[in-house]
Amino acid sequence: MDLKEVMAVNVRRIRHDKQMTQEELADRAGLSARYVGAIERSNKSASVTVLGQIAEALGVEASDLLKRPAPSAKRGGSSARGGDT
């Protein structure tokens, strides 16, 4: 997953968590709803400026929008077994 996709997933997730529509986010960020939708579909890359506008509108740090999801525990929690000290 590239950073554009990571940002898309995070923007949508956080927006949904805050029960905000794309239109509300766009209005708060000073962007068009069409542009916000394109970012959420990872059709458009956001500039650093737009990243900041969206983060502020969502009430989060810009870095939160670029955090990759934690890897799923498909191996049954192997990190709890030790080995890497």
N, C-alpha and C. Protein backbone atom coordinates (compact mmCIF):
# COMPACT_ATOMS: atom_id res chain seq x y z
N MET A 1 0.85 -1.17 0.00
CA MET A 1 0.00 0.00 0.00
C MET A 1 0.90 1.24 0.00
N ASP A 2 0.75 2.11 -1.00
CA ASP A 2 1.57 3.32 -1.04
C ASP A 2 0.96 4.38 -0.13
N LEU A 3 1.69 5.47 0.08
CA LEU A 3 1.24 6.49 1.03
C LEU A 3 -0.07 7.16 0.62
N LYS A 4 -0.29 7.26 -0.68
CA LYS A 4 -1.55 7.83 -1.15
C LYS A 4 -2.72 6.96 -0.68
N GLU A 5 -2.56 5.65 -0.76
CA GLU A 5 -3.60 4.72 -0.31
C GLU A 5 -3.73 4.73 1.21
N VAL A 6 -2.60 4.83 1.91
CA VAL A 6 -2.62 4.89 3.37
C VAL A 6 -3.39 6.12 3.82
N MET A 7 -3.11 7.26 3.20
CA MET A 7 -3.81 8.49 3.55
C MET A 7 -5.31 8.36 3.24
N ALA A 8 -5.63 7.77 2.12
CA ALA A 8 -7.04 7.61 1.74
C ALA A 8 -7.80 6.80 2.79
N VAL A 9 -7.22 5.69 3.21
CA VAL A 9 -7.86 4.83 4.21
C VAL A 9 -8.01 5.57 5.53
N ASN A 10 -6.97 6.28 5.94
CA ASN A 10 -7.00 6.98 7.23
C ASN A 10 -7.97 8.15 7.23
N VAL A 11 -8.01 8.92 6.15
CA VAL A 11 -8.95 10.04 6.08
C VAL A 11 -10.38 9.52 6.18
N ARG A 12 -10.68 8.51 5.41
CA ARG A 12 -12.04 7.96 5.43
C ARG A 12 -12.40 7.38 6.80
N ARG A 13 -11.47 6.62 7.39
CA ARG A 13 -11.72 6.01 8.71
C ARG A 13 -11.96 7.07 9.78
N ILE A 14 -11.08 8.06 9.82
CA ILE A 14 -11.21 9.11 10.84
C ILE A 14 -12.47 9.93 10.61
N ARG A 15 -12.76 10.23 9.36
CA ARG A 15 -13.97 11.00 9.04
C ARG A 15 -15.21 10.23 9.48
N HIS A 16 -15.24 8.94 9.20
CA HIS A 16 -16.38 8.11 9.64
C HIS A 16 -16.46 8.06 11.17
N ASP A 17 -15.30 7.91 11.82
CA ASP A 17 -15.28 7.87 13.29
C ASP A 17 -15.88 9.14 13.89
N LYS A 18 -15.69 10.25 13.21
CA LYS A 18 -16.20 11.54 13.68
C LYS A 18 -17.59 11.84 13.12
N GLN A 19 -18.16 10.86 12.43
CA GLN A 19 -19.51 10.98 11.85
C GLN A 19 -19.64 12.26 11.02
N MET A 20 -18.66 12.44 10.14
CA MET A 20 -18.59 13.63 9.30
C MET A 20 -18.76 13.20 7.84
N THR A 21 -19.51 13.97 7.08
CA THR A 21 -19.64 13.69 5.65
C THR A 21 -18.44 14.26 4.89
N GLN A 22 -18.28 13.81 3.66
CA GLN A 22 -17.23 14.39 2.82
C GLN A 22 -17.47 15.89 2.64
N GLU A 23 -18.71 16.28 2.52
CA GLU A 23 -19.04 17.70 2.33
C GLU A 23 -18.64 18.52 3.56
N GLU A 24 -18.91 17.97 4.75
CA GLU A 24 -18.53 18.68 5.97
C GLU A 24 -17.02 18.80 6.09
N LEU A 25 -16.32 17.71 5.80
CA LEU A 25 -14.86 17.75 5.84
C LEU A 25 -14.33 18.77 4.84
N ALA A 26 -14.86 18.73 3.63
CA ALA A 26 -14.41 19.66 2.59
C ALA A 26 -14.63 21.10 3.03
N ASP A 27 -15.78 21.38 3.59
CA ASP A 27 -16.10 22.74 4.05
C ASP A 27 -15.13 23.19 5.14
N ARG A 28 -14.89 22.33 6.11
CA ARG A 28 -13.98 22.67 7.21
C ARG A 28 -12.54 22.84 6.74
N ALA A 29 -12.16 22.08 5.71
CA ALA A 29 -10.78 22.13 5.22
C ALA A 29 -10.59 23.17 4.11
N GLY A 30 -11.68 23.76 3.64
CA GLY A 30 -11.57 24.74 2.57
C GLY A 30 -11.28 24.10 1.22
N LEU A 31 -11.81 22.90 1.02
CA LEU A 31 -11.60 22.15 -0.22
C LEU A 31 -12.95 21.82 -0.84
N SER A 32 -12.93 21.32 -2.06
CA SER A 32 -14.18 20.88 -2.67
C SER A 32 -14.47 19.44 -2.24
N ALA A 33 -15.74 19.11 -2.15
CA ALA A 33 -16.14 17.75 -1.79
C ALA A 33 -15.65 16.76 -2.84
N ARG A 34 -15.62 17.18 -4.07
CA ARG A 34 -15.13 16.31 -5.15
C ARG A 34 -13.66 15.95 -4.94
N TYR A 35 -12.87 16.94 -4.51
CA TYR A 35 -11.45 16.71 -4.26
C TYR A 35 -11.25 15.79 -3.06
N VAL A 36 -12.01 16.00 -2.00
CA VAL A 36 -11.93 15.12 -0.82
C VAL A 36 -12.28 13.69 -1.22
N GLY A 37 -13.32 13.53 -2.03
CA GLY A 37 -13.70 12.20 -2.50
C GLY A 37 -12.59 11.54 -3.31
N ALA A 38 -11.93 12.33 -4.15
CA ALA A 38 -10.84 11.79 -4.96
C ALA A 38 -9.66 11.37 -4.09
N ILE A 39 -9.40 12.12 -3.03
CA ILE A 39 -8.32 11.75 -2.10
C ILE A 39 -8.69 10.45 -1.38
N GLU A 40 -9.94 10.34 -0.94
CA GLU A 40 -10.38 9.13 -0.24
C GLU A 40 -10.39 7.90 -1.14
N ARG A 41 -10.53 8.10 -2.43
CA ARG A 41 -10.47 6.96 -3.37
C ARG A 41 -9.05 6.73 -3.86
N SER A 42 -8.12 7.52 -3.36
CA SER A 42 -6.71 7.52 -3.75
C SER A 42 -6.53 7.78 -5.25
N ASN A 43 -7.44 8.58 -5.80
CA ASN A 43 -7.31 9.01 -7.20
C ASN A 43 -6.45 10.25 -7.32
N LYS A 44 -6.30 11.00 -6.22
CA LYS A 44 -5.50 12.22 -6.20
C LYS A 44 -4.52 12.16 -5.05
N SER A 45 -3.34 12.71 -5.27
CA SER A 45 -2.36 12.87 -4.20
C SER A 45 -2.55 14.24 -3.58
N ALA A 46 -2.51 14.30 -2.28
CA ALA A 46 -2.66 15.57 -1.57
C ALA A 46 -1.29 16.19 -1.33
N SER A 47 -1.20 17.49 -1.50
CA SER A 47 0.04 18.20 -1.17
C SER A 47 0.19 18.25 0.35
N VAL A 48 1.35 18.65 0.80
CA VAL A 48 1.58 18.79 2.24
C VAL A 48 0.62 19.83 2.82
N THR A 49 0.36 20.88 2.07
CA THR A 49 -0.57 21.91 2.52
C THR A 49 -1.96 21.33 2.71
N VAL A 50 -2.44 20.57 1.74
CA VAL A 50 -3.77 19.96 1.82
C VAL A 50 -3.80 18.92 2.94
N LEU A 51 -2.73 18.17 3.10
CA LEU A 51 -2.63 17.21 4.20
C LEU A 51 -2.86 17.93 5.53
N GLY A 52 -2.24 19.07 5.70
CA GLY A 52 -2.41 19.87 6.92
C GLY A 52 -3.82 20.39 7.08
N GLN A 53 -4.43 20.84 6.00
CA GLN A 53 -5.80 21.34 6.06
C GLN A 53 -6.77 20.24 6.47
N ILE A 54 -6.60 19.06 5.90
CA ILE A 54 -7.48 17.94 6.22
C ILE A 54 -7.28 17.51 7.67
N ALA A 55 -6.02 17.42 8.10
CA ALA A 55 -5.73 17.02 9.47
C ALA A 55 -6.37 17.99 10.46
N GLU A 56 -6.21 19.28 10.20
CA GLU A 56 -6.80 20.29 11.09
C GLU A 56 -8.32 20.18 11.11
N ALA A 57 -8.91 19.98 9.96
CA ALA A 57 -10.37 19.85 9.88
C ALA A 57 -10.87 18.62 10.63
N LEU A 58 -10.05 17.57 10.66
CA LEU A 58 -10.42 16.34 11.37
C LEU A 58 -10.03 16.37 12.85
N GLY A 59 -9.22 17.36 13.23
CA GLY A 59 -8.78 17.46 14.62
C GLY A 59 -7.73 16.44 14.99
N VAL A 60 -6.86 16.10 14.03
CA VAL A 60 -5.78 15.14 14.27
C VAL A 60 -4.46 15.73 13.78
N GLU A 61 -3.38 15.08 14.11
CA GLU A 61 -2.07 15.47 13.59
C GLU A 61 -1.93 14.97 12.15
N ALA A 62 -1.24 15.73 11.33
CA ALA A 62 -1.02 15.32 9.94
C ALA A 62 -0.37 13.94 9.87
N SER A 63 0.52 13.66 10.81
CA SER A 63 1.20 12.37 10.81
C SER A 63 0.23 11.20 11.00
N ASP A 64 -0.89 11.45 11.68
CA ASP A 64 -1.89 10.39 11.87
C ASP A 64 -2.48 9.93 10.54
N LEU A 65 -2.51 10.83 9.57
CA LEU A 65 -3.08 10.49 8.26
C LEU A 65 -2.13 9.65 7.41
N LEU A 66 -0.86 9.60 7.82
CA LEU A 66 0.14 8.87 7.05
C LEU A 66 0.62 7.60 7.73
N LYS A 67 0.03 7.27 8.87
CA LYS A 67 0.44 6.06 9.59
C LYS A 67 -0.11 4.82 8.90
N ARG A 68 0.78 3.91 8.62
CA ARG A 68 0.36 2.64 8.03
C ARG A 68 -0.36 1.82 9.09
N PRO A 69 -1.37 1.04 8.67
CA PRO A 69 -2.07 0.19 9.65
C PRO A 69 -1.11 -0.84 10.24
N ALA A 70 -1.34 -1.18 11.49
CA ALA A 70 -0.52 -2.19 12.15
C ALA A 70 -0.71 -3.52 11.44
N PRO A 71 0.36 -4.28 11.30
CA PRO A 71 0.21 -5.60 10.66
C PRO A 71 -0.72 -6.49 11.46
N SER A 72 -1.53 -7.25 10.78
CA SER A 72 -2.46 -8.13 11.48
C SER A 72 -1.70 -9.28 12.10
N ALA A 73 -2.25 -9.82 13.18
CA ALA A 73 -1.59 -10.91 13.92
C ALA A 73 -1.97 -12.24 13.30
N LYS A 74 -1.55 -12.48 12.08
CA LYS A 74 -1.89 -13.72 11.39
C LYS A 74 -1.08 -14.90 11.90
N ARG A 75 0.04 -14.61 12.55
CA ARG A 75 0.91 -15.69 12.99
C ARG A 75 0.63 -16.11 14.43
N GLY A 76 -0.51 -15.73 14.97
CA GLY A 76 -0.87 -16.17 16.31
C GLY A 76 -0.08 -15.48 17.41
N GLY A 77 0.32 -14.22 17.18
CA GLY A 77 1.01 -13.48 18.22
C GLY A 77 2.45 -13.92 18.44
N SER A 78 3.19 -14.13 17.39
CA SER A 78 4.55 -14.62 17.52
C SER A 78 5.43 -13.66 18.29
N SER A 79 5.08 -12.37 18.36
CA SER A 79 5.90 -11.42 19.08
C SER A 79 5.89 -11.71 20.59
N ALA A 80 4.86 -12.37 21.08
CA ALA A 80 4.78 -12.69 22.50
C ALA A 80 5.67 -13.87 22.86
N ARG A 81 6.17 -14.58 21.89
CA ARG A 81 7.01 -15.76 22.13
C ARG A 81 8.46 -15.40 22.36
N GLY A 82 8.80 -14.17 22.13
CA GLY A 82 10.20 -13.78 22.32
C GLY A 82 11.00 -14.03 21.07
N GLY A 83 12.30 -14.22 21.24
CA GLY A 83 13.16 -14.48 20.11
C GLY A 83 13.89 -13.24 19.64
N ASP A 84 13.22 -12.12 19.53
CA ASP A 84 13.85 -10.86 19.13
C ASP A 84 14.08 -10.02 20.37
N THR A 85 15.28 -10.07 20.91
CA THR A 85 15.58 -9.29 22.10
C THR A 85 16.55 -8.20 21.82
